[in-house]
Protein backbone atom coordinates (compact mmCIF):
# COMPACT_ATOMS: atom_id res chain seq x y z
CA MET A 1 -14.59 21.29 8.88
CA THR A 2 -15.73 18.09 10.55
CA GLU A 3 -16.48 15.81 7.63
CA ASP A 4 -16.46 12.04 8.14
CA THR A 5 -15.40 9.28 5.82
CA LYS A 6 -16.95 5.83 6.06
CA ILE A 7 -13.68 4.05 6.76
CA GLY A 8 -11.33 6.92 7.46
CA GLY A 9 -13.36 8.08 10.43
CA PRO A 10 -13.92 11.63 11.62
CA ALA A 11 -11.58 14.38 10.61
CA GLY A 12 -9.18 15.37 13.34
CA LYS A 13 -5.61 15.29 14.51
CA PHE A 14 -2.94 13.33 12.73
CA PRO A 15 -1.06 10.58 14.56
CA ALA A 16 2.24 11.43 16.18
CA THR A 17 4.96 11.87 13.59
CA ARG A 18 6.69 8.58 12.78
CA LEU A 19 10.06 8.08 11.22
CA SER A 20 9.67 8.15 7.46
CA ALA A 21 10.84 4.95 5.80
CA VAL A 22 11.83 7.08 2.82
CA LEU A 23 14.32 8.97 4.99
CA ALA A 24 15.32 5.96 7.09
CA ALA A 25 16.28 4.11 3.90
CA ARG A 26 19.30 6.43 3.76
CA SER A 27 20.37 5.71 7.32
CA ASP A 28 23.91 4.68 8.16
CA ASP A 29 22.46 2.03 10.49
CA PRO A 30 22.16 -1.19 8.42
CA ALA A 31 19.31 -2.56 10.55
CA GLU A 32 17.29 0.65 10.30
CA ARG A 33 17.98 0.90 6.59
CA SER A 34 16.90 -2.70 6.01
CA ARG A 35 13.64 -2.25 7.95
CA ALA A 36 12.86 0.89 5.96
CA LEU A 37 13.51 -0.74 2.60
CA GLU A 38 11.38 -3.73 3.55
CA ALA A 39 8.51 -1.37 4.44
CA ILE A 40 8.82 0.33 1.06
CA ALA A 41 8.96 -3.00 -0.77
CA ALA A 42 5.88 -4.24 1.11
CA ALA A 43 3.89 -1.20 -0.03
CA TYR A 44 5.12 -1.06 -3.62
CA TRP A 45 5.96 -4.53 -4.89
CA LYS A 46 2.43 -5.31 -6.03
CA PRO A 47 1.87 -2.00 -7.88
CA ILE A 48 5.24 -2.40 -9.60
CA TYR A 49 4.45 -5.99 -10.60
CA LYS A 50 1.16 -4.94 -12.15
CA TYR A 51 2.80 -1.95 -13.79
CA LEU A 52 5.34 -4.22 -15.48
CA ARG A 53 2.56 -6.47 -16.72
CA ILE A 54 0.62 -3.55 -18.20
CA ARG A 55 3.11 -0.87 -19.22
CA TRP A 56 5.81 -3.22 -20.47
CA GLY A 57 3.61 -6.12 -21.56
CA LYS A 58 5.64 -8.62 -19.54
CA SER A 59 4.42 -12.16 -19.04
CA ASN A 60 3.43 -13.34 -15.60
CA GLU A 61 6.75 -15.13 -15.07
CA ASP A 62 8.91 -12.34 -16.49
CA ALA A 63 7.11 -9.76 -14.34
CA LYS A 64 7.73 -11.89 -11.26
CA ASP A 65 11.46 -12.10 -11.99
CA LEU A 66 11.75 -8.42 -12.81
CA THR A 67 9.88 -7.37 -9.67
CA GLN A 68 12.13 -9.45 -7.44
CA ASP A 69 15.21 -8.20 -9.26
CA PHE A 70 14.09 -4.57 -9.19
CA PHE A 71 13.62 -4.51 -5.43
CA ALA A 72 16.84 -6.44 -4.90
CA LYS A 73 18.65 -3.77 -6.88
CA LEU A 74 16.77 -1.05 -5.00
CA PHE A 75 18.37 -2.46 -1.83
CA GLU A 76 21.81 -3.10 -3.27
CA LYS A 77 22.38 -0.04 -5.44
CA GLU A 78 20.89 2.48 -3.03
CA TYR A 79 18.55 4.01 -5.60
CA LEU A 80 16.75 5.98 -2.91
CA ASP A 81 19.86 8.05 -2.23
CA ASP A 82 18.97 9.89 -5.44
CA PHE A 83 15.33 10.47 -4.49
CA ASP A 84 14.41 14.13 -4.07
CA PRO A 85 10.95 14.46 -2.44
CA ALA A 86 10.83 18.11 -3.53
CA LYS A 87 10.71 17.02 -7.17
CA ALA A 88 8.43 13.97 -7.14
CA ARG A 89 6.45 11.58 -5.00
CA LEU A 90 8.06 8.28 -4.10
CA ARG A 91 5.78 6.24 -6.36
CA THR A 92 6.64 8.47 -9.33
CA PHE A 93 10.35 8.04 -8.59
CA LEU A 94 9.97 4.25 -8.30
CA ARG A 95 8.06 4.10 -11.58
CA ILE A 96 10.85 5.98 -13.36
CA CYS A 97 13.44 3.68 -11.75
CA ALA A 98 11.43 0.64 -12.84
CA ASP A 99 11.25 1.92 -16.42
CA ARG A 100 15.01 2.42 -16.52
CA PHE A 101 15.62 -0.95 -14.91
CA VAL A 102 13.46 -2.83 -17.42
CA ALA A 103 15.03 -0.96 -20.35
CA ASN A 104 18.51 -1.83 -19.11
CA GLU A 105 17.53 -5.44 -18.46
CA SER A 106 16.17 -5.74 -21.97
CA LYS A 107 19.40 -4.39 -23.44
CA ALA A 108 21.54 -6.68 -21.34
CA ALA A 109 19.23 -9.65 -21.92
CA LYS A 110 20.08 -11.07 -18.54
CA ARG A 111 18.82 -11.04 -14.98
CA LEU A 112 20.45 -9.36 -12.01
CA LYS A 113 22.06 -11.92 -9.72
CA ARG A 114 20.66 -11.22 -6.29
CA GLY A 115 22.89 -11.50 -3.27
CA GLY A 116 24.86 -9.44 -0.82
CA GLY A 117 22.69 -7.60 1.67
CA ALA A 118 19.47 -7.80 -0.33
CA PRO A 119 16.69 -9.52 1.64
CA HIS A 120 14.58 -12.30 0.19
CA LEU A 121 11.09 -11.01 -0.52
CA SER A 122 8.27 -13.50 -0.07
CA LEU A 123 5.68 -12.14 -2.49
CA ASP A 124 2.21 -13.50 -3.27
CA PHE A 125 2.32 -13.09 -7.03
CA ASP A 126 -0.72 -15.33 -7.57
CA ALA A 127 -2.90 -12.95 -5.57
CA ALA A 128 -1.51 -9.97 -7.48
CA GLU A 129 -2.18 -11.66 -10.82
CA ASN A 130 -5.75 -12.54 -9.80
CA GLU A 131 -6.38 -8.92 -8.87
CA LEU A 132 -4.96 -7.79 -12.20
CA GLN A 133 -7.19 -10.13 -14.18
CA ARG A 134 -10.27 -8.83 -12.35
CA ALA A 135 -9.40 -5.26 -13.39
CA LYS A 136 -10.76 -3.69 -16.58
CA PRO A 137 -9.30 -5.05 -19.84
CA LEU A 138 -5.58 -4.49 -20.20
CA ALA A 139 -6.14 -2.83 -23.56
CA GLN A 140 -7.99 -0.03 -21.79
CA LEU A 141 -5.25 0.36 -19.22
CA THR A 142 -2.57 0.73 -21.87
CA ALA A 143 -4.48 3.25 -23.95
CA SER A 144 -2.33 6.16 -22.82
CA PRO A 145 0.53 7.00 -20.43
CA GLU A 146 -1.97 8.92 -18.30
CA SER A 147 -4.18 5.86 -17.84
CA VAL A 148 -1.20 3.76 -16.77
CA ASP A 149 -0.07 6.40 -14.26
CA ASP A 150 -3.59 6.60 -12.90
CA PHE A 151 -3.68 2.82 -12.58
CA LEU A 152 -0.37 2.78 -10.70
CA GLU A 153 -1.67 5.46 -8.34
CA LYS A 154 -4.78 3.43 -7.57
CA GLU A 155 -2.74 0.28 -7.07
CA PHE A 156 -0.56 2.01 -4.49
CA ILE A 157 -3.70 3.01 -2.58
CA ARG A 158 -5.03 -0.56 -2.85
CA SER A 159 -1.72 -1.93 -1.57
CA LEU A 160 -1.52 0.51 1.35
CA PHE A 161 -5.11 -0.18 2.41
CA GLY A 162 -4.55 -3.93 2.05
CA LEU A 163 -1.57 -3.76 4.41
CA ALA A 164 -3.65 -1.71 6.85
CA VAL A 165 -6.48 -4.24 6.77
CA ASP A 166 -4.06 -7.12 7.38
CA GLN A 167 -2.51 -5.30 10.33
CA LEU A 168 -5.94 -4.45 11.75
CA ARG A 169 -6.95 -8.12 11.52
CA SER A 170 -3.80 -9.19 13.33
CA GLU A 171 -4.17 -6.58 16.07
CA CYS A 172 -7.84 -7.39 16.63
CA GLU A 173 -7.04 -11.09 16.91
CA SER A 174 -4.26 -10.45 19.42
CA ARG A 175 -6.60 -8.29 21.53
CA GLY A 176 -9.55 -10.68 21.42
CA LYS A 177 -11.59 -8.35 19.20
CA GLN A 178 -12.28 -10.67 16.32
CA ILE A 179 -15.94 -9.62 16.16
CA HIS A 180 -14.88 -5.99 15.81
CA PHE A 181 -12.81 -6.85 12.75
CA ARG A 182 -15.45 -9.16 11.27
CA LEU A 183 -18.10 -6.44 11.50
CA PHE A 184 -15.73 -4.01 9.80
CA GLN A 185 -14.96 -6.56 7.12
CA ILE A 186 -18.61 -7.31 6.39
CA TYR A 187 -20.02 -3.80 6.58
CA ASP A 188 -17.19 -1.69 5.19
CA LEU A 189 -15.15 -4.00 2.96
CA GLU A 190 -17.47 -6.59 1.43
CA ALA A 191 -19.70 -5.41 -1.39
CA ASP A 192 -22.38 -7.96 -0.52
CA GLY A 193 -22.24 -7.36 3.25
CA ALA A 194 -25.22 -6.84 5.56
CA SER A 195 -27.28 -3.78 4.71
CA ASN A 196 -27.90 -2.52 8.24
CA TYR A 197 -26.79 -2.74 11.85
CA ALA A 198 -29.87 -4.72 12.90
CA GLU A 199 -28.91 -7.60 10.60
CA LEU A 200 -25.37 -7.60 11.98
CA ALA A 201 -26.59 -7.51 15.56
CA LYS A 202 -28.81 -10.51 14.89
CA GLU A 203 -26.05 -12.45 13.11
CA PHE A 204 -23.50 -11.91 15.88
CA GLN A 205 -26.01 -12.02 18.72
CA ILE A 206 -25.05 -8.64 20.10
CA ALA A 207 -26.94 -5.40 20.72
CA PRO A 208 -27.28 -2.87 17.86
CA THR A 209 -25.42 -0.36 20.04
CA ASP A 210 -22.51 -2.84 20.23
CA VAL A 211 -22.41 -2.94 16.43
CA THR A 212 -22.11 0.85 16.42
CA ASN A 213 -19.35 0.84 19.03
CA TYR A 214 -17.42 -2.07 17.52
CA LEU A 215 -17.47 -0.54 14.06
CA ALA A 216 -16.39 2.82 15.46
CA PHE A 217 -13.43 1.11 17.13
CA ALA A 218 -12.42 -0.81 14.00
CA ARG A 219 -12.69 2.25 11.77
CA ARG A 220 -10.68 4.35 14.19
CA GLU A 221 -7.94 1.73 14.37
CA PHE A 222 -7.95 1.27 10.60
CA ARG A 223 -7.55 5.01 10.14
CA ARG A 224 -4.65 5.07 12.61
CA ILE A 225 -2.87 2.17 10.93
CA ALA A 226 -3.43 3.51 7.42
CA LEU A 227 -2.06 6.91 8.41
CA GLU A 228 0.98 5.32 10.04
CA ARG A 229 1.62 3.31 6.87
CA LEU A 230 1.16 6.42 4.76
CA ARG A 231 3.53 8.39 6.98
CA GLU A 232 6.23 5.82 6.31
CA MET A 233 5.85 6.34 2.58
CA THR A 234 6.17 10.14 2.65
CA ALA A 235 9.27 12.25 3.14
CA SER A 236 7.84 15.36 4.76
CA GLU A 237 4.98 16.50 6.95
CA LYS A 238 3.61 18.59 4.09
CA GLU A 239 3.51 15.61 1.75
CA PHE A 240 1.99 13.44 4.47
CA ARG A 241 -0.84 15.89 5.11
CA ARG A 242 -1.53 16.29 1.40
CA GLU A 243 -1.64 12.54 0.85
CA ALA A 244 -3.79 11.94 3.92
CA ARG A 245 -6.37 14.45 2.76
CA ALA A 246 -6.45 12.92 -0.72
CA LEU A 247 -6.58 9.26 0.33
CA LEU A 248 -8.56 9.29 3.59
CA GLY A 249 -10.37 12.60 3.58
CA VAL A 250 -8.60 13.57 6.80
CA ILE A 251 -8.55 17.31 7.27
CA PRO A 252 -5.91 18.90 9.54
CA GLU A 253 -7.10 21.13 12.34
């Protein structure tokens, strides 16, 4: 099959296998372990924050504290040593860990004191809260456990794609390809973007064929980055391929 996706690009080969952050988080090398845990926290802090707001009904401030504390404990207590990728996906495991953490915190009625080797996480909670308030009413999201799980799944995808977009922006800027990224942003990401290539060509004073080529470049790079990010969050090649097909429509040869 040779199906295309608008952002994911044409179906084809997967990127070269990267070291899984899920596996690297168990490394004996402190530096490697720290980098892996930071990658996991970057991908999952926002979904976990929103999950705590919805599933547990936590206030904005309490959810902030609990999110910081949860990931600090994830680093310190080596939760991921108990993760078995054959039994569950990482996001399912983290959700279960978060549920246990909040339940234990509620019983203890105190916060975990962060320290030791846990890194400080600089998290944009205001942006996360704004996104949450723009979602459908919280009452609908808490209607059933299935709806909450579905919401968490979608938030992981949103987080992963957001990280990929940020990395694409940075890479385009460093390579002098700001127009490439801006075209991608307008045409593929913004709901009220230009409706056709001719309008974009006129706006940026380039040829319509350049719009085609620039967008093809940006989409290809976005697909590469998104797959690399996804690879970090999976523990096996089988899981990676399954997730890639589900999230990006990429079909293995």
